[in-house]
Amino acid sequence: MNDSASSTKSGAYMTLRGTGGAIGRLGNQADTYVEMNLEHKQTWITARRPASK
């Protein structure tokens, strides 16, 4: 962004690198996606009930 009075077109043909092409899945971006696996380990404390008579 700058102080000039010019503008650029935005939309489907605007990418982070400029106006070079359409945004979409081309099948050759192996390093484009991120996979995240989250685990939450929890310990449960159970109370013993007295035996019924």
C-alpha atoms as a PDB file:
ATOM      1  CA  MET A   1       0.000   0.000   0.000  1.00  0.00           C
ATOM      2  CA  ASN A   2       1.304   3.434  -0.830  1.00  0.00           C
ATOM      3  CA  ASP A   3       0.163   7.025  -1.152  1.00  0.00           C
ATOM      4  CA  SER A   4      -0.192   7.044  -4.939  1.00  0.00           C
ATOM      5  CA  ALA A   5      -3.591   7.561  -6.522  1.00  0.00           C
ATOM      6  CA  SER A   6      -3.406   4.382  -8.585  1.00  0.00           C
ATOM      7  CA  SER A   7      -5.509   1.301  -7.946  1.00  0.00           C
ATOM      8  CA  THR A   8      -5.498  -2.362  -8.829  1.00  0.00           C
ATOM      9  CA  LYS A   9      -8.198  -4.802  -9.811  1.00  0.00           C
ATOM     10  CA  SER A  10      -9.136  -7.340  -7.210  1.00  0.00           C
ATOM     11  CA  GLY A  11     -11.124 -10.514  -7.423  1.00  0.00           C
ATOM     12  CA  ALA A  12     -10.438 -14.034  -8.610  1.00  0.00           C
ATOM     13  CA  TYR A  13      -7.332 -12.979 -10.543  1.00  0.00           C
ATOM     14  CA  MET A  14      -5.678 -11.156  -7.634  1.00  0.00           C
ATOM     15  CA  THR A  15      -3.153 -13.276  -5.737  1.00  0.00           C
ATOM     16  CA  LEU A  16      -0.512 -12.507  -3.135  1.00  0.00           C
ATOM     17  CA  ARG A  17       2.054 -12.274  -5.926  1.00  0.00           C
ATOM     18  CA  GLY A  18      -0.011  -9.877  -8.013  1.00  0.00           C
ATOM     19  CA  THR A  19      -2.524 -10.220 -10.816  1.00  0.00           C
ATOM     20  CA  GLY A  20      -0.835 -13.209 -12.433  1.00  0.00           C
ATOM     21  CA  GLY A  21      -3.573 -15.791 -12.455  1.00  0.00           C
ATOM     22  CA  ALA A  22      -6.694 -17.299 -11.038  1.00  0.00           C
ATOM     23  CA  ILE A  23      -6.938 -18.537  -7.472  1.00  0.00           C
ATOM     24  CA  GLY A  24      -7.702 -22.221  -7.317  1.00  0.00           C
ATOM     25  CA  ARG A  25      -6.409 -25.699  -6.678  1.00  0.00           C
ATOM     26  CA  LEU A  26      -4.028 -26.604  -9.453  1.00  0.00           C
ATOM     27  CA  GLY A  27      -2.842 -29.838  -7.882  1.00  0.00           C
ATOM     28  CA  ASN A  28       0.833 -28.898  -7.723  1.00  0.00           C
ATOM     29  CA  GLN A  29       0.926 -27.039  -4.407  1.00  0.00           C
ATOM     30  CA  ALA A  30       1.992 -29.858  -2.079  1.00  0.00           C
ATOM     31  CA  ASP A  31       3.295 -27.440   0.545  1.00  0.00           C
ATOM     32  CA  THR A  32       0.284 -25.131   0.535  1.00  0.00           C
ATOM     33  CA  TYR A  33      -1.845 -26.954   3.096  1.00  0.00           C
ATOM     34  CA  VAL A  34      -1.311 -27.359   6.837  1.00  0.00           C
ATOM     35  CA  GLU A  35      -2.477 -30.320   8.881  1.00  0.00           C
ATOM     36  CA  MET A  36      -2.887 -29.949  12.636  1.00  0.00           C
ATOM     37  CA  ASN A  37      -3.531 -32.791  15.066  1.00  0.00           C
ATOM     38  CA  LEU A  38      -4.526 -31.775  18.574  1.00  0.00           C
ATOM     39  CA  GLU A  39      -4.793 -34.209  21.460  1.00  0.00           C
ATOM     40  CA  HIS A  40      -6.248 -33.570  24.861  1.00  0.00           C
ATOM     41  CA  LYS A  41      -5.335 -36.157  27.462  1.00  0.00           C
ATOM     42  CA  GLN A  42      -7.577 -36.248  30.478  1.00  0.00           C
ATOM     43  CA  THR A  43      -7.514 -38.377  33.608  1.00  0.00           C
ATOM     44  CA  TRP A  44     -10.837 -39.220  35.154  1.00  0.00           C
ATOM     45  CA  ILE A  45     -11.037 -39.858  38.876  1.00  0.00           C
ATOM     46  CA  THR A  46     -13.940 -42.137  39.725  1.00  0.00           C
ATOM     47  CA  ALA A  47     -15.341 -42.435  43.223  1.00  0.00           C
ATOM     48  CA  ARG A  48     -16.263 -45.881  44.499  1.00  0.00           C
ATOM     49  CA  ARG A  49     -19.832 -46.285  45.581  1.00  0.00           C
ATOM     50  CA  PRO A  50     -20.501 -48.158  48.804  1.00  0.00           C
ATOM     51  CA  ALA A  51     -21.931 -51.604  48.234  1.00  0.00           C
ATOM     52  CA  SER A  52     -25.702 -51.692  48.555  1.00  0.00           C
ATOM     53  CA  LYS A  53     -27.141 -53.840  51.341  1.00  0.00           C
END
